[in-house]
Amino acid sequence: MSYPIAVADRPVIRRCAIHLHALTVAALALCAILAPAHAQPDPNQRTGATVADAPSRHYRFQRFVVASADGLRRWRIQLAIPKQGAPKRGYAALYMLDGNAALMEFDDALLAQLAQGRAPVLAFVGYDNDLRIDAAQRRDDYTPSAVDDGAGQGARGGGAEAFARVLVERIQPQVRRRARIDRSREALWGHSLGGLFALDLLYRRSDAFAQWFAASPSLWWDRGAILGAPERGFLERQLARPASVAILQGEREREPRDGARAAAAPADPRVAAHRARIAAVPADAARQLAQRLQNKPGLSACYREFAGLGHGPMLRASVRAAAQAMADEASPCAGQDEDAGASAR
């Protein structure tokens, strides 16, 4: 049975609604504060239509697929070649890991902006499916060592060396066959685990690319192992040719990890375990790494911090910044706040 609400009760109802709205807003704000800095991507998000599916006055798109020897793994490369003529030495080229996700961050306005400079060839290196982020495959491809993440599936990852061979020995040559490339201006961009892979490949095969963009690199992987022997070995060896590396990070990624965010115990034990893994390295490890790399002869290293951004939004911000830096032939760290770059000079 329902009862009519008396007219005299309506102000009370309105006051309750106002209080409820205020509580809802406060709860949402608290969730935003306590959200993990390294929030996991939606595993079900699809790419949908992208800039590659529409005609462009500035770029022509083509695609090819590379398969592993056993046929179980397939990488799809969406290749964007400028319509403007190649410079005398060839085009610059930007290879982007998590290619499906990176492609979603480009639009025709950005392509037009790139075309105003020395437009680079864009190679989006993704997986042959319609997932924005293929979490399982990227974890295997982009990590230098296998780690047991406590999910009950044993140690996973560790395929970086194998994927490096695919990238350098099979994908790169195909890009070079399809467009005239200036090898002194080939660059690799990666975000998160992709940023970790970029650093690992720089340490293993520094001559594979001339420019490196490590965005929000997952330095915490395997308890920060990449900050140990791999880095020391790289710093001790002579470079085969001059190179440049930019480490890009969001301001919010450097927030202290012992405050309210860490104190709030997540209900999901997997989230708690992930936070513990991230806490294995200092919050400013990326900035410190840039400082150390700056001292290596033949290597130009810089650090750029993006104001107000956390880990997820850094994918879009960093890949667009890398593309623009390639077109402008400028430092990807140019224009940053004075205090953000001072420590890496």
C-alpha atoms as a PDB file:
ATOM      1  CA  MET A   1       0.000   0.000   0.000  1.00  0.00           C
ATOM      2  CA  SER A   2       1.234   3.509  -0.806  1.00  0.00           C
ATOM      3  CA  TYR A   3       0.569   6.631   1.198  1.00  0.00           C
ATOM      4  CA  PRO A   4       0.335  10.195  -0.132  1.00  0.00           C
ATOM      5  CA  ILE A   5       2.995  12.604   1.097  1.00  0.00           C
ATOM      6  CA  ALA A   6       1.549  15.497   3.063  1.00  0.00           C
ATOM      7  CA  VAL A   7       2.343  18.987   1.741  1.00  0.00           C
ATOM      8  CA  ALA A   8       3.918  19.887   5.079  1.00  0.00           C
ATOM      9  CA  ASP A   9       6.489  17.054   4.650  1.00  0.00           C
ATOM     10  CA  ARG A  10       7.864  18.208   1.281  1.00  0.00           C
ATOM     11  CA  PRO A  11      10.483  20.642   2.699  1.00  0.00           C
ATOM     12  CA  VAL A  12      11.803  17.773   4.793  1.00  0.00           C
ATOM     13  CA  ILE A  13      12.035  15.600   1.680  1.00  0.00           C
ATOM     14  CA  ARG A  14      13.897  18.357  -0.157  1.00  0.00           C
ATOM     15  CA  ARG A  15      16.361  18.798   2.746  1.00  0.00           C
ATOM     16  CA  CYS A  16      16.983  15.053   2.807  1.00  0.00           C
ATOM     17  CA  ALA A  17      17.592  15.034  -0.940  1.00  0.00           C
ATOM     18  CA  ILE A  18      20.092  17.898  -0.606  1.00  0.00           C
ATOM     19  CA  HIS A  19      21.952  16.089   2.176  1.00  0.00           C
ATOM     20  CA  LEU A  20      21.940  12.854   0.184  1.00  0.00           C
ATOM     21  CA  HIS A  21      23.358  14.669  -2.875  1.00  0.00           C
ATOM     22  CA  ALA A  22      26.089  16.226  -0.719  1.00  0.00           C
ATOM     23  CA  LEU A  23      27.002  12.828   0.710  1.00  0.00           C
ATOM     24  CA  THR A  24      27.127  11.341  -2.789  1.00  0.00           C
ATOM     25  CA  VAL A  25      29.449  14.097  -4.019  1.00  0.00           C
ATOM     26  CA  ALA A  26      31.670  13.640  -0.961  1.00  0.00           C
ATOM     27  CA  ALA A  27      31.787   9.883  -1.505  1.00  0.00           C
ATOM     28  CA  LEU A  28      32.767  10.315  -5.142  1.00  0.00           C
ATOM     29  CA  ALA A  29      35.471  12.780  -4.162  1.00  0.00           C
ATOM     30  CA  LEU A  30      36.826  10.324  -1.600  1.00  0.00           C
ATOM     31  CA  CYS A  31      36.873   7.574  -4.231  1.00  0.00           C
ATOM     32  CA  ALA A  32      38.848   9.844  -6.527  1.00  0.00           C
ATOM     33  CA  ILE A  33      41.372  10.531  -3.771  1.00  0.00           C
ATOM     34  CA  LEU A  34      41.761   6.863  -2.903  1.00  0.00           C
ATOM     35  CA  ALA A  35      41.824   5.586  -6.491  1.00  0.00           C
ATOM     36  CA  PRO A  36      45.089   3.770  -7.186  1.00  0.00           C
ATOM     37  CA  ALA A  37      47.661   5.856  -9.066  1.00  0.00           C
ATOM     38  CA  HIS A  38      48.198   2.912 -11.421  1.00  0.00           C
ATOM     39  CA  ALA A  39      44.543   2.071 -12.119  1.00  0.00           C
ATOM     40  CA  GLN A  40      44.214  -0.954 -14.346  1.00  0.00           C
ATOM     41  CA  PRO A  41      42.770  -0.445 -17.853  1.00  0.00           C
ATOM     42  CA  ASP A  42      39.340  -1.784 -18.711  1.00  0.00           C
ATOM     43  CA  PRO A  43      40.130  -5.212 -20.227  1.00  0.00           C
ATOM     44  CA  ASN A  44      36.958  -5.123 -22.321  1.00  0.00           C
ATOM     45  CA  GLN A  45      37.313  -1.698 -23.952  1.00  0.00           C
ATOM     46  CA  ARG A  46      37.312  -1.906 -27.761  1.00  0.00           C
ATOM     47  CA  THR A  47      39.017   0.367 -30.235  1.00  0.00           C
ATOM     48  CA  GLY A  48      35.993   1.175 -32.394  1.00  0.00           C
ATOM     49  CA  ALA A  49      36.476   3.527 -35.347  1.00  0.00           C
ATOM     50  CA  THR A  50      39.780   5.410 -35.405  1.00  0.00           C
ATOM     51  CA  VAL A  51      41.499   8.041 -37.496  1.00  0.00           C
ATOM     52  CA  ALA A  52      42.837   5.198 -39.652  1.00  0.00           C
ATOM     53  CA  ASP A  53      39.294   4.473 -40.846  1.00  0.00           C
ATOM     54  CA  ALA A  54      38.638   7.913 -42.332  1.00  0.00           C
ATOM     55  CA  PRO A  55      40.269   9.689 -45.282  1.00  0.00           C
ATOM     56  CA  SER A  56      42.974  12.181 -44.340  1.00  0.00           C
ATOM     57  CA  ARG A  57      44.463  15.028 -46.346  1.00  0.00           C
ATOM     58  CA  HIS A  58      47.736  14.593 -44.496  1.00  0.00           C
ATOM     59  CA  TYR A  59      48.427  10.868 -44.099  1.00  0.00           C
ATOM     60  CA  ARG A  60      47.718   7.641 -45.904  1.00  0.00           C
ATOM     61  CA  PHE A  61      47.174   4.553 -43.779  1.00  0.00           C
ATOM     62  CA  GLN A  62      48.060   0.946 -44.432  1.00  0.00           C
ATOM     63  CA  ARG A  63      48.351  -2.080 -42.208  1.00  0.00           C
ATOM     64  CA  PHE A  64      50.257  -5.326 -42.003  1.00  0.00           C
ATOM     65  CA  VAL A  65      50.407  -8.229 -39.595  1.00  0.00           C
ATOM     66  CA  VAL A  66      53.456 -10.064 -38.246  1.00  0.00           C
ATOM     67  CA  ALA A  67      52.992 -13.509 -36.720  1.00  0.00           C
ATOM     68  CA  SER A  68      55.217 -15.446 -34.337  1.00  0.00           C
ATOM     69  CA  ALA A  69      57.004 -18.528 -35.657  1.00  0.00           C
ATOM     70  CA  ASP A  70      54.422 -20.815 -34.028  1.00  0.00           C
ATOM     71  CA  GLY A  71      51.531 -18.696 -35.305  1.00  0.00           C
ATOM     72  CA  LEU A  72      50.097 -18.231 -31.826  1.00  0.00           C
ATOM     73  CA  ARG A  73      50.859 -14.505 -31.551  1.00  0.00           C
ATOM     74  CA  ARG A  74      49.988 -11.816 -34.076  1.00  0.00           C
ATOM     75  CA  TRP A  75      50.988  -8.162 -34.025  1.00  0.00           C
ATOM     76  CA  ARG A  76      49.041  -5.692 -36.153  1.00  0.00           C
ATOM     77  CA  ILE A  77      50.886  -2.601 -37.331  1.00  0.00           C
ATOM     78  CA  GLN A  78      48.824   0.375 -38.457  1.00  0.00           C
ATOM     79  CA  LEU A  79      51.193   2.492 -40.519  1.00  0.00           C
ATOM     80  CA  ALA A  80      50.554   6.174 -41.257  1.00  0.00           C
ATOM     81  CA  ILE A  81      52.763   7.666 -43.993  1.00  0.00           C
ATOM     82  CA  PRO A  82      52.757  11.440 -44.608  1.00  0.00           C
ATOM     83  CA  LYS A  83      51.388  12.577 -47.939  1.00  0.00           C
ATOM     84  CA  GLN A  84      53.970  15.351 -48.045  1.00  0.00           C
ATOM     85  CA  GLY A  85      57.178  14.353 -49.800  1.00  0.00           C
ATOM     86  CA  ALA A  86      59.942  12.752 -47.793  1.00  0.00           C
ATOM     87  CA  PRO A  87      62.873  14.948 -46.743  1.00  0.00           C
ATOM     88  CA  LYS A  88      66.195  14.304 -48.445  1.00  0.00           C
ATOM     89  CA  ARG A  89      67.311  11.824 -45.769  1.00  0.00           C
ATOM     90  CA  GLY A  90      63.872  10.290 -45.376  1.00  0.00           C
ATOM     91  CA  TYR A  91      61.056  10.575 -42.876  1.00  0.00           C
ATOM     92  CA  ALA A  92      61.448  10.464 -39.135  1.00  0.00           C
ATOM     93  CA  ALA A  93      59.518   7.508 -37.695  1.00  0.00           C
ATOM     94  CA  LEU A  94      57.764   7.040 -34.380  1.00  0.00           C
ATOM     95  CA  TYR A  95      57.025   3.444 -33.330  1.00  0.00           C
ATOM     96  CA  MET A  96      54.353   3.218 -30.639  1.00  0.00           C
ATOM     97  CA  LEU A  97      53.714   0.235 -28.379  1.00  0.00           C
ATOM     98  CA  ASP A  98      50.139  -0.512 -27.259  1.00  0.00           C
ATOM     99  CA  GLY A  99      49.405   0.528 -30.814  1.00  0.00           C
ATOM    100  CA  ASN A 100      45.633   0.063 -30.623  1.00  0.00           C
ATOM    101  CA  ALA A 101      45.378   2.390 -27.620  1.00  0.00           C
ATOM    102  CA  ALA A 102      47.843   4.894 -29.091  1.00  0.00           C
ATOM    103  CA  LEU A 103      45.888   5.042 -32.351  1.00  0.00           C
ATOM    104  CA  MET A 104      42.742   5.996 -30.440  1.00  0.00           C
ATOM    105  CA  GLU A 105      44.493   9.137 -29.163  1.00  0.00           C
ATOM    106  CA  PHE A 106      45.128  10.521 -32.665  1.00  0.00           C
ATOM    107  CA  ASP A 107      42.646  12.564 -34.656  1.00  0.00           C
ATOM    108  CA  ASP A 108      42.721  14.464 -37.929  1.00  0.00           C
ATOM    109  CA  ALA A 109      43.461  17.738 -36.140  1.00  0.00           C
ATOM    110  CA  LEU A 110      46.642  16.237 -34.706  1.00  0.00           C
ATOM    111  CA  LEU A 111      47.625  14.802 -38.102  1.00  0.00           C
ATOM    112  CA  ALA A 112      47.168  18.273 -39.601  1.00  0.00           C
ATOM    113  CA  GLN A 113      49.326  19.738 -36.851  1.00  0.00           C
ATOM    114  CA  LEU A 114      52.065  17.190 -37.503  1.00  0.00           C
ATOM    115  CA  ALA A 115      51.912  17.962 -41.231  1.00  0.00           C
ATOM    116  CA  GLN A 116      52.773  21.588 -40.501  1.00  0.00           C
ATOM    117  CA  GLY A 117      56.231  20.403 -39.453  1.00  0.00           C
ATOM    118  CA  ARG A 118      58.375  17.510 -40.649  1.00  0.00           C
ATOM    119  CA  ALA A 119      55.587  14.968 -40.364  1.00  0.00           C
ATOM    120  CA  PRO A 120      56.920  11.628 -39.109  1.00  0.00           C
ATOM    121  CA  VAL A 121      55.863   8.176 -40.208  1.00  0.00           C
ATOM    122  CA  LEU A 122      53.649   6.742 -37.445  1.00  0.00           C
ATOM    123  CA  ALA A 123      53.880   3.016 -36.713  1.00  0.00           C
ATOM    124  CA  PHE A 124      51.216   1.845 -34.252  1.00  0.00           C
ATOM    125  CA  VAL A 125      52.437  -1.554 -33.018  1.00  0.00           C
ATOM    126  CA  GLY A 126      49.450  -3.325 -31.491  1.00  0.00           C
ATOM    127  CA  TYR A 127      47.871  -6.759 -31.375  1.00  0.00           C
ATOM    128  CA  ASP A 128      45.720  -8.247 -34.103  1.00  0.00           C
ATOM    129  CA  ASN A 129      42.420  -7.812 -32.289  1.00  0.00           C
ATOM    130  CA  ASP A 130      40.024  -4.982 -31.418  1.00  0.00           C
ATOM    131  CA  LEU A 131      41.050  -4.622 -27.773  1.00  0.00           C
ATOM    132  CA  ARG A 132      42.262  -1.187 -26.773  1.00  0.00           C
ATOM    133  CA  ILE A 133      44.694  -2.782 -24.308  1.00  0.00           C
ATOM    134  CA  ASP A 134      45.537  -6.485 -24.516  1.00  0.00           C
ATOM    135  CA  ALA A 135      46.658  -6.854 -20.911  1.00  0.00           C
ATOM    136  CA  ALA A 136      47.811 -10.461 -21.110  1.00  0.00           C
ATOM    137  CA  GLN A 137      49.885 -10.135 -24.276  1.00  0.00           C
ATOM    138  CA  ARG A 138      51.481  -6.817 -23.303  1.00  0.00           C
ATOM    139  CA  ARG A 139      52.448  -8.209 -19.903  1.00  0.00           C
ATOM    140  CA  ASP A 140      54.279 -11.042 -21.667  1.00  0.00           C
ATOM    141  CA  ASP A 141      55.864  -8.891 -24.387  1.00  0.00           C
ATOM    142  CA  TYR A 142      56.911  -5.807 -22.432  1.00  0.00           C
ATOM    143  CA  THR A 143      58.450  -7.299 -19.289  1.00  0.00           C
ATOM    144  CA  PRO A 144      62.092  -8.426 -19.004  1.00  0.00           C
ATOM    145  CA  SER A 145      61.464 -11.036 -16.301  1.00  0.00           C
ATOM    146  CA  ALA A 146      58.688 -13.376 -15.147  1.00  0.00           C
ATOM    147  CA  VAL A 147      56.940 -12.471 -11.898  1.00  0.00           C
ATOM    148  CA  ASP A 148      54.349 -14.243  -9.782  1.00  0.00           C
ATOM    149  CA  ASP A 149      51.699 -11.605  -9.128  1.00  0.00           C
ATOM    150  CA  GLY A 150      49.842 -13.720  -6.579  1.00  0.00           C
ATOM    151  CA  ALA A 151      46.889 -14.359  -8.878  1.00  0.00           C
ATOM    152  CA  GLY A 152      47.373 -18.120  -8.639  1.00  0.00           C
ATOM    153  CA  GLN A 153      48.670 -18.501 -12.181  1.00  0.00           C
ATOM    154  CA  GLY A 154      52.366 -18.745 -11.379  1.00  0.00           C
ATOM    155  CA  ALA A 155      55.109 -16.567 -12.806  1.00  0.00           C
ATOM    156  CA  ARG A 156      54.093 -14.610 -15.894  1.00  0.00           C
ATOM    157  CA  GLY A 157      55.864 -12.199 -18.212  1.00  0.00           C
ATOM    158  CA  GLY A 158      59.485 -12.175 -19.244  1.00  0.00           C
ATOM    159  CA  GLY A 159      59.030 -12.050 -23.026  1.00  0.00           C
ATOM    160  CA  ALA A 160      60.738  -8.715 -23.666  1.00  0.00           C
ATOM    161  CA  GLU A 161      63.809 -10.213 -25.312  1.00  0.00           C
ATOM    162  CA  ALA A 162      61.709 -12.309 -27.697  1.00  0.00           C
ATOM    163  CA  PHE A 163      59.445  -9.394 -28.561  1.00  0.00           C
ATOM    164  CA  ALA A 164      62.500  -7.162 -29.096  1.00  0.00           C
ATOM    165  CA  ARG A 165      63.611  -9.513 -31.861  1.00  0.00           C
ATOM    166  CA  VAL A 166      60.192  -9.277 -33.504  1.00  0.00           C
ATOM    167  CA  LEU A 167      60.175  -5.484 -33.259  1.00  0.00           C
ATOM    168  CA  VAL A 168      63.731  -4.876 -34.454  1.00  0.00           C
ATOM    169  CA  GLU A 169      64.226  -7.739 -36.890  1.00  0.00           C
ATOM    170  CA  ARG A 170      60.770  -8.051 -38.446  1.00  0.00           C
ATOM    171  CA  ILE A 171      58.585  -5.001 -37.855  1.00  0.00           C
ATOM    172  CA  GLN A 172      61.208  -2.296 -38.316  1.00  0.00           C
ATOM    173  CA  PRO A 173      62.433  -3.685 -41.665  1.00  0.00           C
ATOM    174  CA  GLN A 174      58.863  -3.816 -43.002  1.00  0.00           C
ATOM    175  CA  VAL A 175      58.271  -0.186 -42.041  1.00  0.00           C
ATOM    176  CA  ARG A 176      61.519   0.784 -43.772  1.00  0.00           C
ATOM    177  CA  ARG A 177      60.447  -1.049 -46.916  1.00  0.00           C
ATOM    178  CA  ARG A 178      57.125   0.770 -47.030  1.00  0.00           C
ATOM    179  CA  ALA A 179      58.514   4.272 -46.455  1.00  0.00           C
ATOM    180  CA  ARG A 180      61.927   5.901 -46.795  1.00  0.00           C
ATOM    181  CA  ILE A 181      63.103   6.311 -43.207  1.00  0.00           C
ATOM    182  CA  ASP A 182      65.892   8.439 -41.768  1.00  0.00           C
ATOM    183  CA  ARG A 183      67.426   5.943 -39.351  1.00  0.00           C
ATOM    184  CA  SER A 184      68.977   8.735 -37.316  1.00  0.00           C
ATOM    185  CA  ARG A 185      65.431   9.857 -36.435  1.00  0.00           C
ATOM    186  CA  GLU A 186      63.691   6.575 -35.572  1.00  0.00           C
ATOM    187  CA  ALA A 187      62.048   6.666 -32.157  1.00  0.00           C
ATOM    188  CA  LEU A 188      60.244   4.264 -29.826  1.00  0.00           C
ATOM    189  CA  TRP A 189      57.455   5.309 -27.445  1.00  0.00           C
ATOM    190  CA  GLY A 190      55.971   3.164 -24.700  1.00  0.00           C
ATOM    191  CA  HIS A 191      53.721   3.840 -21.714  1.00  0.00           C
ATOM    192  CA  SER A 192      53.631   1.998 -18.379  1.00  0.00           C
ATOM    193  CA  LEU A 193      54.875  -1.539 -19.087  1.00  0.00           C
ATOM    194  CA  GLY A 194      55.627  -0.210 -22.578  1.00  0.00           C
ATOM    195  CA  GLY A 195      57.832   2.445 -20.969  1.00  0.00           C
ATOM    196  CA  LEU A 196      59.606  -0.304 -19.058  1.00  0.00           C
ATOM    197  CA  PHE A 197      60.157  -2.177 -22.320  1.00  0.00           C
ATOM    198  CA  ALA A 198      61.558   0.947 -23.987  1.00  0.00           C
ATOM    199  CA  LEU A 199      64.160   1.317 -21.231  1.00  0.00           C
ATOM    200  CA  ASP A 200      64.990  -2.389 -21.271  1.00  0.00           C
ATOM    201  CA  LEU A 201      65.516  -2.322 -25.036  1.00  0.00           C
ATOM    202  CA  LEU A 202      67.648   0.821 -24.733  1.00  0.00           C
ATOM    203  CA  TYR A 203      69.826  -1.029 -22.228  1.00  0.00           C
ATOM    204  CA  ARG A 204      70.052  -4.188 -24.373  1.00  0.00           C
ATOM    205  CA  ARG A 205      70.187  -2.772 -27.922  1.00  0.00           C
ATOM    206  CA  SER A 206      70.829   0.940 -27.746  1.00  0.00           C
ATOM    207  CA  ASP A 207      71.345   1.167 -31.515  1.00  0.00           C
ATOM    208  CA  ALA A 208      67.818  -0.074 -32.324  1.00  0.00           C
ATOM    209  CA  PHE A 209      66.431   3.484 -32.188  1.00  0.00           C
ATOM    210  CA  ALA A 210      67.924   6.938 -31.991  1.00  0.00           C
ATOM    211  CA  GLN A 211      65.239   8.416 -29.740  1.00  0.00           C
ATOM    212  CA  TRP A 212      63.413   6.854 -26.830  1.00  0.00           C
ATOM    213  CA  PHE A 213      60.253   7.970 -25.029  1.00  0.00           C
ATOM    214  CA  ALA A 214      59.640   6.134 -21.743  1.00  0.00           C
ATOM    215  CA  ALA A 215      56.296   7.375 -20.412  1.00  0.00           C
ATOM    216  CA  SER A 216      55.282   6.488 -16.851  1.00  0.00           C
ATOM    217  CA  PRO A 217      57.656   3.498 -16.968  1.00  0.00           C
ATOM    218  CA  SER A 218      56.749   0.611 -14.644  1.00  0.00           C
ATOM    219  CA  LEU A 219      60.065   0.715 -12.818  1.00  0.00           C
ATOM    220  CA  TRP A 220      58.461  -1.279 -10.005  1.00  0.00           C
ATOM    221  CA  TRP A 221      58.295  -4.481 -12.084  1.00  0.00           C
ATOM    222  CA  ASP A 222      60.133  -7.347 -10.365  1.00  0.00           C
ATOM    223  CA  ARG A 223      60.816  -5.115  -7.348  1.00  0.00           C
ATOM    224  CA  GLY A 224      62.628  -2.520  -9.396  1.00  0.00           C
ATOM    225  CA  ALA A 225      65.065  -4.961 -10.985  1.00  0.00           C
ATOM    226  CA  ILE A 226      65.672  -2.695 -13.992  1.00  0.00           C
ATOM    227  CA  LEU A 227      67.168  -0.084 -11.655  1.00  0.00           C
ATOM    228  CA  GLY A 228      69.882  -2.544 -10.661  1.00  0.00           C
ATOM    229  CA  ALA A 229      72.215  -4.589 -12.866  1.00  0.00           C
ATOM    230  CA  PRO A 230      70.590  -3.671 -16.238  1.00  0.00           C
ATOM    231  CA  GLU A 231      71.041   0.041 -15.584  1.00  0.00           C
ATOM    232  CA  ARG A 232      74.571  -0.341 -14.227  1.00  0.00           C
ATOM    233  CA  GLY A 233      75.614  -2.431 -17.216  1.00  0.00           C
ATOM    234  CA  PHE A 234      74.186   0.138 -19.617  1.00  0.00           C
ATOM    235  CA  LEU A 235      75.956   3.023 -17.901  1.00  0.00           C
ATOM    236  CA  GLU A 236      79.268   1.160 -18.052  1.00  0.00           C
ATOM    237  CA  ARG A 237      79.073   0.298 -21.772  1.00  0.00           C
ATOM    238  CA  GLN A 238      79.877   2.681 -24.593  1.00  0.00           C
ATOM    239  CA  LEU A 239      77.005   3.663 -26.867  1.00  0.00           C
ATOM    240  CA  ALA A 240      77.163   2.424 -30.444  1.00  0.00           C
ATOM    241  CA  ARG A 241      75.817   5.807 -31.579  1.00  0.00           C
ATOM    242  CA  PRO A 242      74.464   8.974 -29.942  1.00  0.00           C
ATOM    243  CA  ALA A 243      70.929   8.657 -28.588  1.00  0.00           C
ATOM    244  CA  SER A 244      68.349  10.629 -26.648  1.00  0.00           C
ATOM    245  CA  VAL A 245      65.872   9.455 -24.031  1.00  0.00           C
ATOM    246  CA  ALA A 246      62.945  11.320 -22.527  1.00  0.00           C
ATOM    247  CA  ILE A 247      61.315  10.085 -19.335  1.00  0.00           C
ATOM    248  CA  LEU A 248      57.783  11.446 -19.086  1.00  0.00           C
ATOM    249  CA  GLN A 249      55.663  11.281 -15.944  1.00  0.00           C
ATOM    250  CA  GLY A 250      52.450  12.708 -14.557  1.00  0.00           C
ATOM    251  CA  GLU A 251      52.621  14.954 -11.514  1.00  0.00           C
ATOM    252  CA  ARG A 252      50.142  12.772  -9.623  1.00  0.00           C
ATOM    253  CA  GLU A 253      52.339   9.720 -10.141  1.00  0.00           C
ATOM    254  CA  ARG A 254      54.856  11.246  -7.750  1.00  0.00           C
ATOM    255  CA  GLU A 255      52.376  11.650  -4.903  1.00  0.00           C
ATOM    256  CA  PRO A 256      53.589  10.207  -1.583  1.00  0.00           C
ATOM    257  CA  ARG A 257      52.550   6.581  -1.210  1.00  0.00           C
ATOM    258  CA  ASP A 258      52.241   6.547   2.573  1.00  0.00           C
ATOM    259  CA  GLY A 259      49.257   8.896   2.884  1.00  0.00           C
ATOM    260  CA  ALA A 260      45.509   8.401   2.645  1.00  0.00           C
ATOM    261  CA  ARG A 261      45.822   6.504  -0.624  1.00  0.00           C
ATOM    262  CA  ALA A 262      48.048   3.834   0.888  1.00  0.00           C
ATOM    263  CA  ALA A 263      46.219   3.804   4.213  1.00  0.00           C
ATOM    264  CA  ALA A 264      42.888   2.902   2.661  1.00  0.00           C
ATOM    265  CA  ALA A 265      42.776  -0.888   2.556  1.00  0.00           C
ATOM    266  CA  PRO A 266      41.225  -1.983  -0.752  1.00  0.00           C
ATOM    267  CA  ALA A 267      38.611  -4.709  -0.637  1.00  0.00           C
ATOM    268  CA  ASP A 268      40.217  -6.513  -3.591  1.00  0.00           C
ATOM    269  CA  PRO A 269      43.433  -8.269  -2.475  1.00  0.00           C
ATOM    270  CA  ARG A 270      44.757  -8.025  -6.040  1.00  0.00           C
ATOM    271  CA  VAL A 271      44.619  -4.236  -5.821  1.00  0.00           C
ATOM    272  CA  ALA A 272      46.453  -4.342  -2.498  1.00  0.00           C
ATOM    273  CA  ALA A 273      49.125  -6.601  -3.993  1.00  0.00           C
ATOM    274  CA  HIS A 274      49.501  -4.290  -6.994  1.00  0.00           C
ATOM    275  CA  ARG A 275      49.910  -1.266  -4.731  1.00  0.00           C
ATOM    276  CA  ALA A 276      52.570  -3.134  -2.771  1.00  0.00           C
ATOM    277  CA  ARG A 277      54.466  -3.872  -5.988  1.00  0.00           C
ATOM    278  CA  ILE A 278      54.345  -0.222  -7.038  1.00  0.00           C
ATOM    279  CA  ALA A 279      55.640   0.825  -3.614  1.00  0.00           C
ATOM    280  CA  ALA A 280      58.778  -1.265  -4.211  1.00  0.00           C
ATOM    281  CA  VAL A 281      60.448   1.802  -5.746  1.00  0.00           C
ATOM    282  CA  PRO A 282      60.393   5.456  -4.614  1.00  0.00           C
ATOM    283  CA  ALA A 283      57.676   7.672  -6.042  1.00  0.00           C
ATOM    284  CA  ASP A 284      60.333   9.850  -7.693  1.00  0.00           C
ATOM    285  CA  ALA A 285      62.325   6.918  -9.149  1.00  0.00           C
ATOM    286  CA  ALA A 286      61.711   8.106 -12.720  1.00  0.00           C
ATOM    287  CA  ARG A 287      63.075  11.572 -12.014  1.00  0.00           C
ATOM    288  CA  GLN A 288      66.108  10.096 -10.270  1.00  0.00           C
ATOM    289  CA  LEU A 289      66.705   7.759 -13.210  1.00  0.00           C
ATOM    290  CA  ALA A 290      66.725  10.698 -15.635  1.00  0.00           C
ATOM    291  CA  GLN A 291      69.377  12.370 -13.500  1.00  0.00           C
ATOM    292  CA  ARG A 292      71.620   9.306 -13.640  1.00  0.00           C
ATOM    293  CA  LEU A 293      71.174   8.799 -17.376  1.00  0.00           C
ATOM    294  CA  GLN A 294      72.051  12.448 -18.027  1.00  0.00           C
ATOM    295  CA  ASN A 295      75.615  11.693 -16.967  1.00  0.00           C
ATOM    296  CA  LYS A 296      76.207   9.024 -19.631  1.00  0.00           C
ATOM    297  CA  PRO A 297      78.452  10.144 -22.509  1.00  0.00           C
ATOM    298  CA  GLY A 298      76.667  10.191 -25.852  1.00  0.00           C
ATOM    299  CA  LEU A 299      73.201  10.070 -24.280  1.00  0.00           C
ATOM    300  CA  SER A 300      70.965  13.117 -24.052  1.00  0.00           C
ATOM    301  CA  ALA A 301      68.438  12.508 -21.271  1.00  0.00           C
ATOM    302  CA  CYS A 302      65.615  14.701 -20.017  1.00  0.00           C
ATOM    303  CA  TYR A 303      62.655  14.474 -17.669  1.00  0.00           C
ATOM    304  CA  ARG A 304      59.253  16.061 -18.158  1.00  0.00           C
ATOM    305  CA  GLU A 305      56.438  16.189 -15.672  1.00  0.00           C
ATOM    306  CA  PHE A 306      52.849  16.772 -16.799  1.00  0.00           C
ATOM    307  CA  ALA A 307      50.964  18.924 -14.302  1.00  0.00           C
ATOM    308  CA  GLY A 308      47.889  17.369 -12.711  1.00  0.00           C
ATOM    309  CA  LEU A 309      48.031  14.068 -14.590  1.00  0.00           C
ATOM    310  CA  GLY A 310      47.957  10.548 -13.186  1.00  0.00           C
ATOM    311  CA  HIS A 311      49.065   7.281 -14.742  1.00  0.00           C
ATOM    312  CA  GLY A 312      46.134   6.605 -17.083  1.00  0.00           C
ATOM    313  CA  PRO A 313      45.847  10.065 -18.691  1.00  0.00           C
ATOM    314  CA  MET A 314      49.602  10.026 -19.316  1.00  0.00           C
ATOM    315  CA  LEU A 315      49.120   7.612 -22.217  1.00  0.00           C
ATOM    316  CA  ARG A 316      47.306  10.242 -24.281  1.00  0.00           C
ATOM    317  CA  ALA A 317      49.411  13.184 -23.136  1.00  0.00           C
ATOM    318  CA  SER A 318      52.768  11.493 -23.685  1.00  0.00           C
ATOM    319  CA  VAL A 319      52.097   9.867 -27.060  1.00  0.00           C
ATOM    320  CA  ARG A 320      50.820  13.134 -28.507  1.00  0.00           C
ATOM    321  CA  ALA A 321      53.794  15.011 -27.036  1.00  0.00           C
ATOM    322  CA  ALA A 322      56.183  12.471 -28.565  1.00  0.00           C
ATOM    323  CA  ALA A 323      54.584  12.787 -32.014  1.00  0.00           C
ATOM    324  CA  GLN A 324      54.697  16.571 -31.855  1.00  0.00           C
ATOM    325  CA  ALA A 325      58.341  16.545 -30.742  1.00  0.00           C
ATOM    326  CA  MET A 326      59.214  14.371 -33.742  1.00  0.00           C
ATOM    327  CA  ALA A 327      57.453  16.749 -36.150  1.00  0.00           C
ATOM    328  CA  ASP A 328      58.937  19.887 -34.598  1.00  0.00           C
ATOM    329  CA  GLU A 329      62.406  18.354 -34.166  1.00  0.00           C
ATOM    330  CA  ALA A 330      62.273  19.693 -30.631  1.00  0.00           C
ATOM    331  CA  SER A 331      62.998  18.264 -27.227  1.00  0.00           C
ATOM    332  CA  PRO A 332      59.949  16.461 -25.798  1.00  0.00           C
ATOM    333  CA  CYS A 333      60.840  18.103 -22.496  1.00  0.00           C
ATOM    334  CA  ALA A 334      60.711  21.654 -23.890  1.00  0.00           C
ATOM    335  CA  GLY A 335      58.216  24.007 -22.316  1.00  0.00           C
ATOM    336  CA  GLN A 336      57.931  22.170 -19.015  1.00  0.00           C
ATOM    337  CA  ASP A 337      57.779  23.941 -15.663  1.00  0.00           C
ATOM    338  CA  GLU A 338      61.181  25.107 -14.492  1.00  0.00           C
ATOM    339  CA  ASP A 339      61.135  23.036 -11.309  1.00  0.00           C
ATOM    340  CA  ALA A 340      60.049  19.875 -13.133  1.00  0.00           C
ATOM    341  CA  GLY A 341      63.032  19.796 -15.438  1.00  0.00           C
ATOM    342  CA  ALA A 342      65.742  21.326 -13.318  1.00  0.00           C
ATOM    343  CA  SER A 343      66.769  18.104 -11.632  1.00  0.00           C
ATOM    344  CA  ALA A 344      67.380  16.293 -14.905  1.00  0.00           C
ATOM    345  CA  ARG A 345      69.564  18.901 -16.575  1.00  0.00           C
END
